[in-house]
């Protein structure tokens, strides 16, 4: 189940980033921005725990 959420999260992040890079950030619904940011945090937690020796 975790790999499905990883794929969905990567898709949200990619969509928002591509729209932002193309200068069409205003076309992205604010909720998509929130979800993409939450997925970035979700993906960053593991590496940050390892970096700070918390795992």
PDB file of N, CA and C in Angstrom:
ATOM      1  N   UNK A   1       0.824  -1.191   0.000  1.00  0.00           N
ATOM      2  CA  UNK A   1       0.000   0.000   0.000  1.00  0.00           C
ATOM      3  C   UNK A   1       0.867   1.254   0.000  1.00  0.00           C
ATOM      4  N   UNK A   2       2.031   1.181   0.614  1.00  0.00           N
ATOM      5  CA  UNK A   2       2.888   2.349   0.681  1.00  0.00           C
ATOM      6  C   UNK A   2       3.369   2.783  -0.704  1.00  0.00           C
ATOM      7  N   UNK A   3       3.625   1.851  -1.593  1.00  0.00           N
ATOM      8  CA  UNK A   3       4.109   2.222  -2.922  1.00  0.00           C
ATOM      9  C   UNK A   3       3.027   2.959  -3.720  1.00  0.00           C
ATOM     10  N   UNK A   4       1.770   2.642  -3.471  1.00  0.00           N
ATOM     11  CA  UNK A   4       0.684   3.356  -4.149  1.00  0.00           C
ATOM     12  C   UNK A   4       0.661   4.811  -3.690  1.00  0.00           C
ATOM     13  N   UNK A   5       0.766   5.027  -2.392  1.00  0.00           N
ATOM     14  CA  UNK A   5       0.757   6.408  -1.891  1.00  0.00           C
ATOM     15  C   UNK A   5       1.993   7.169  -2.368  1.00  0.00           C
ATOM     16  N   UNK A   6       3.120   6.473  -2.493  1.00  0.00           N
ATOM     17  CA  UNK A   6       4.324   7.132  -3.020  1.00  0.00           C
ATOM     18  C   UNK A   6       4.107   7.583  -4.457  1.00  0.00           C
ATOM     19  N   UNK A   7       3.494   6.746  -5.268  1.00  0.00           N
ATOM     20  CA  UNK A   7       3.232   7.105  -6.656  1.00  0.00           C
ATOM     21  C   UNK A   7       2.248   8.249  -6.790  1.00  0.00           C
ATOM     22  N   UNK A   8       1.206   8.210  -5.988  1.00  0.00           N
ATOM     23  CA  UNK A   8       0.222   9.292  -6.016  1.00  0.00           C
ATOM     24  C   UNK A   8       0.871  10.597  -5.559  1.00  0.00           C
ATOM     25  N   UNK A   9       1.658  10.518  -4.507  1.00  0.00           N
ATOM     26  CA  UNK A   9       2.340  11.718  -4.010  1.00  0.00           C
ATOM     27  C   UNK A   9       3.299  12.297  -5.027  1.00  0.00           C
ATOM     28  N   UNK A  10       4.052  11.427  -5.677  1.00  0.00           N
ATOM     29  CA  UNK A  10       4.985  11.897  -6.714  1.00  0.00           C
ATOM     30  C   UNK A  10       4.224  12.563  -7.854  1.00  0.00           C
ATOM     31  N   UNK A  11       3.058  12.028  -8.178  1.00  0.00           N
ATOM     32  CA  UNK A  11       2.242  12.628  -9.229  1.00  0.00           C
ATOM     33  C   UNK A  11       1.748  14.017  -8.851  1.00  0.00           C
ATOM     34  N   UNK A  12       1.281  14.173  -7.622  1.00  0.00           N
ATOM     35  CA  UNK A  12       0.830  15.493  -7.158  1.00  0.00           C
ATOM     36  C   UNK A  12       1.971  16.497  -7.191  1.00  0.00           C
ATOM     37  N   UNK A  13       3.111  16.083  -6.665  1.00  0.00           N
ATOM     38  CA  UNK A  13       4.265  16.991  -6.626  1.00  0.00           C
ATOM     39  C   UNK A  13       4.712  17.354  -8.040  1.00  0.00           C
ATOM     40  N   UNK A  14       4.786  16.364  -8.921  1.00  0.00           N
ATOM     41  CA  UNK A  14       5.213  16.618 -10.299  1.00  0.00           C
ATOM     42  C   UNK A  14       4.268  17.572 -11.011  1.00  0.00           C
ATOM     43  N   UNK A  15       2.971  17.344 -10.857  1.00  0.00           N
ATOM     44  CA  UNK A  15       1.982  18.194 -11.516  1.00  0.00           C
ATOM     45  C   UNK A  15       2.134  19.651 -11.076  1.00  0.00           C
ATOM     46  N   UNK A  16       2.218  19.854  -9.772  1.00  0.00           N
ATOM     47  CA  UNK A  16       2.332  21.218  -9.248  1.00  0.00           C
ATOM     48  C   UNK A  16       3.642  21.858  -9.693  1.00  0.00           C
ATOM     49  N   UNK A  17       4.752  21.114  -9.634  1.00  0.00           N
ATOM     50  CA  UNK A  17       6.038  21.665 -10.047  1.00  0.00           C
ATOM     51  C   UNK A  17       6.064  22.018 -11.536  1.00  0.00           C
ATOM     52  N   UNK A  18       5.519  21.144 -12.357  1.00  0.00           N
ATOM     53  CA  UNK A  18       5.510  21.411 -13.802  1.00  0.00           C
ATOM     54  C   UNK A  18       4.687  22.658 -14.113  1.00  0.00           C
ATOM     55  N   UNK A  19       3.526  22.774 -13.484  1.00  0.00           N
ATOM     56  CA  UNK A  19       2.698  23.967 -13.703  1.00  0.00           C
ATOM     57  C   UNK A  19       3.432  25.227 -13.239  1.00  0.00           C
ATOM     58  N   UNK A  20       4.109  25.138 -12.103  1.00  0.00           N
ATOM     59  CA  UNK A  20       4.827  26.302 -11.576  1.00  0.00           C
ATOM     60  C   UNK A  20       5.984  26.702 -12.486  1.00  0.00           C
ATOM     61  N   UNK A  21       6.735  25.717 -12.970  1.00  0.00           N
ATOM     62  CA  UNK A  21       7.880  26.003 -13.839  1.00  0.00           C
ATOM     63  C   UNK A  21       7.421  26.596 -15.169  1.00  0.00           C
ATOM     64  N   UNK A  22       6.277  26.147 -15.662  1.00  0.00           N
ATOM     65  CA  UNK A  22       5.763  26.668 -16.928  1.00  0.00           C
ATOM     66  C   UNK A  22       5.095  28.027 -16.766  1.00  0.00           C
ATOM     67  N   UNK A  23       5.063  28.564 -15.543  1.00  0.00           N
ATOM     68  CA  UNK A  23       4.468  29.875 -15.308  1.00  0.00           C
ATOM     69  C   UNK A  23       2.962  29.837 -15.190  1.00  0.00           C
ATOM     70  N   UNK A  24       2.410  28.675 -14.925  1.00  0.00           N
ATOM     71  CA  UNK A  24       0.958  28.538 -14.826  1.00  0.00           C
ATOM     72  C   UNK A  24       0.536  28.138 -13.412  1.00  0.00           C
ATOM     73  N   UNK A  25       1.260  28.643 -12.428  1.00  0.00           N
ATOM     74  CA  UNK A  25       0.990  28.274 -11.038  1.00  0.00           C
ATOM     75  C   UNK A  25      -0.414  28.694 -10.602  1.00  0.00           C
ATOM     76  N   UNK A  26      -0.941  29.746 -11.192  1.00  0.00           N
ATOM     77  CA  UNK A  26      -2.294  30.201 -10.820  1.00  0.00           C
ATOM     78  C   UNK A  26      -3.378  29.226 -11.255  1.00  0.00           C
ATOM     79  N   UNK A  27      -3.070  28.349 -12.189  1.00  0.00           N
ATOM     80  CA  UNK A  27      -4.047  27.365 -12.658  1.00  0.00           C
ATOM     81  C   UNK A  27      -4.194  26.197 -11.687  1.00  0.00           C
ATOM     82  N   UNK A  28      -3.272  26.078 -10.742  1.00  0.00           N
ATOM     83  CA  UNK A  28      -3.292  24.977  -9.791  1.00  0.00           C
ATOM     84  C   UNK A  28      -4.194  25.370  -8.617  1.00  0.00           C
ATOM     85  N   UNK A  29      -5.155  24.508  -8.324  1.00  0.00           N
ATOM     86  CA  UNK A  29      -6.072  24.755  -7.215  1.00  0.00           C
ATOM     87  C   UNK A  29      -5.287  24.818  -5.903  1.00  0.00           C
ATOM     88  N   UNK A  30      -5.651  25.719  -4.998  1.00  0.00           N
ATOM     89  CA  UNK A  30      -4.931  25.832  -3.726  1.00  0.00           C
ATOM     90  C   UNK A  30      -4.862  24.516  -2.941  1.00  0.00           C
ATOM     91  N   UNK A  31      -5.893  23.697  -3.033  1.00  0.00           N
ATOM     92  CA  UNK A  31      -5.874  22.413  -2.331  1.00  0.00           C
ATOM     93  C   UNK A  31      -4.772  21.506  -2.873  1.00  0.00           C
ATOM     94  N   UNK A  32      -4.510  21.574  -4.174  1.00  0.00           N
ATOM     95  CA  UNK A  32      -3.419  20.786  -4.750  1.00  0.00           C
ATOM     96  C   UNK A  32      -2.067  21.245  -4.221  1.00  0.00           C
ATOM     97  N   UNK A  33      -1.918  22.542  -4.008  1.00  0.00           N
ATOM     98  CA  UNK A  33      -0.681  23.048  -3.419  1.00  0.00           C
ATOM     99  C   UNK A  33      -0.496  22.474  -2.021  1.00  0.00           C
ATOM    100  N   UNK A  34      -1.566  22.476  -1.238  1.00  0.00           N
ATOM    101  CA  UNK A  34      -1.493  21.952   0.133  1.00  0.00           C
ATOM    102  C   UNK A  34      -1.130  20.468   0.118  1.00  0.00           C
ATOM    103  N   UNK A  35      -1.797  19.697  -0.731  1.00  0.00           N
ATOM    104  CA  UNK A  35      -1.535  18.263  -0.798  1.00  0.00           C
ATOM    105  C   UNK A  35      -0.100  18.006  -1.251  1.00  0.00           C
ATOM    106  N   UNK A  36       0.372  18.747  -2.235  1.00  0.00           N
ATOM    107  CA  UNK A  36       1.748  18.569  -2.720  1.00  0.00           C
ATOM    108  C   UNK A  36       2.759  18.885  -1.613  1.00  0.00           C
ATOM    109  N   UNK A  37       2.522  19.939  -0.868  1.00  0.00           N
ATOM    110  CA  UNK A  37       3.427  20.305   0.230  1.00  0.00           C
ATOM    111  C   UNK A  37       3.410  19.227   1.307  1.00  0.00           C
ATOM    112  N   UNK A  38       2.231  18.685   1.603  1.00  0.00           N
ATOM    113  CA  UNK A  38       2.148  17.616   2.599  1.00  0.00           C
ATOM    114  C   UNK A  38       2.898  16.366   2.134  1.00  0.00           C
ATOM    115  N   UNK A  39       2.816  16.060   0.848  1.00  0.00           N
ATOM    116  CA  UNK A  39       3.572  14.921   0.334  1.00  0.00           C
ATOM    117  C   UNK A  39       5.077  15.177   0.375  1.00  0.00           C
ATOM    118  N   UNK A  40       5.513  16.392   0.134  1.00  0.00           N
ATOM    119  CA  UNK A  40       6.942  16.721   0.246  1.00  0.00           C
ATOM    120  C   UNK A  40       7.400  16.479   1.686  1.00  0.00           C
ATOM    121  N   UNK A  41       6.597  16.905   2.639  1.00  0.00           N
ATOM    122  CA  UNK A  41       6.928  16.666   4.048  1.00  0.00           C
ATOM    123  C   UNK A  41       6.961  15.168   4.336  1.00  0.00           C
ATOM    124  N   UNK A  42       5.969  14.444   3.811  1.00  0.00           N
ATOM    125  CA  UNK A  42       5.897  12.992   3.992  1.00  0.00           C
ATOM    126  C   UNK A  42       7.158  12.302   3.472  1.00  0.00           C
ATOM    127  N   UNK A  43       7.618  12.724   2.288  1.00  0.00           N
ATOM    128  CA  UNK A  43       8.820  12.127   1.706  1.00  0.00           C
ATOM    129  C   UNK A  43      10.090  12.568   2.436  1.00  0.00           C
ATOM    130  N   UNK A  44      10.079  13.746   3.051  1.00  0.00           N
ATOM    131  CA  UNK A  44      11.278  14.274   3.703  1.00  0.00           C
ATOM    132  C   UNK A  44      11.476  13.719   5.112  1.00  0.00           C
ATOM    133  N   UNK A  45      10.438  13.195   5.730  1.00  0.00           N
ATOM    134  CA  UNK A  45      10.548  12.742   7.122  1.00  0.00           C
ATOM    135  C   UNK A  45      11.596  11.639   7.278  1.00  0.00           C
ATOM    136  N   UNK A  46      11.560  10.629   6.412  1.00  0.00           N
ATOM    137  CA  UNK A  46      12.514   9.522   6.507  1.00  0.00           C
ATOM    138  C   UNK A  46      13.964   9.973   6.419  1.00  0.00           C
ATOM    139  N   UNK A  47      14.344  10.690   5.362  1.00  0.00           N
ATOM    140  CA  UNK A  47      15.733  11.161   5.257  1.00  0.00           C
ATOM    141  C   UNK A  47      16.142  12.098   6.404  1.00  0.00           C
ATOM    142  N   UNK A  48      15.213  12.920   6.880  1.00  0.00           N
ATOM    143  CA  UNK A  48      15.551  13.806   7.989  1.00  0.00           C
ATOM    144  C   UNK A  48      15.800  13.034   9.276  1.00  0.00           C
ATOM    145  N   UNK A  49      15.022  11.976   9.497  1.00  0.00           N
ATOM    146  CA  UNK A  49      15.252  11.153  10.682  1.00  0.00           C
ATOM    147  C   UNK A  49      16.627  10.499  10.623  1.00  0.00           C
ATOM    148  N   UNK A  50      16.993  10.009   9.444  1.00  0.00           N
ATOM    149  CA  UNK A  50      18.310   9.396   9.277  1.00  0.00           C
ATOM    150  C   UNK A  50      19.415  10.431   9.460  1.00  0.00           C
ATOM    151  N   UNK A  51      19.225  11.609   8.883  1.00  0.00           N
ATOM    152  CA  UNK A  51      20.224  12.676   8.978  1.00  0.00           C
ATOM    153  C   UNK A  51      20.489  13.075  10.418  1.00  0.00           C
ATOM    154  N   UNK A  52      19.433  13.165  11.213  1.00  0.00           N
ATOM    155  CA  UNK A  52      19.575  13.579  12.602  1.00  0.00           C
ATOM    156  C   UNK A  52      19.690  12.415  13.576  1.00  0.00           C
ATOM    157  N   UNK A  53      19.767  11.199  13.038  1.00  0.00           N
ATOM    158  CA  UNK A  53      19.970  10.028  13.878  1.00  0.00           C
ATOM    159  C   UNK A  53      18.789   9.680  14.769  1.00  0.00           C
ATOM    160  N   UNK A  54      17.595   9.919  14.296  1.00  0.00           N
ATOM    161  CA  UNK A  54      16.398   9.671  15.103  1.00  0.00           C
ATOM    162  C   UNK A  54      15.748   8.331  14.823  1.00  0.00           C
ATOM    163  N   UNK A  55      16.194   7.633  13.804  1.00  0.00           N
ATOM    164  CA  UNK A  55      15.522   6.369  13.481  1.00  0.00           C
ATOM    165  C   UNK A  55      16.162   5.173  14.135  1.00  0.00           C
TER     166      UNK A  55
END
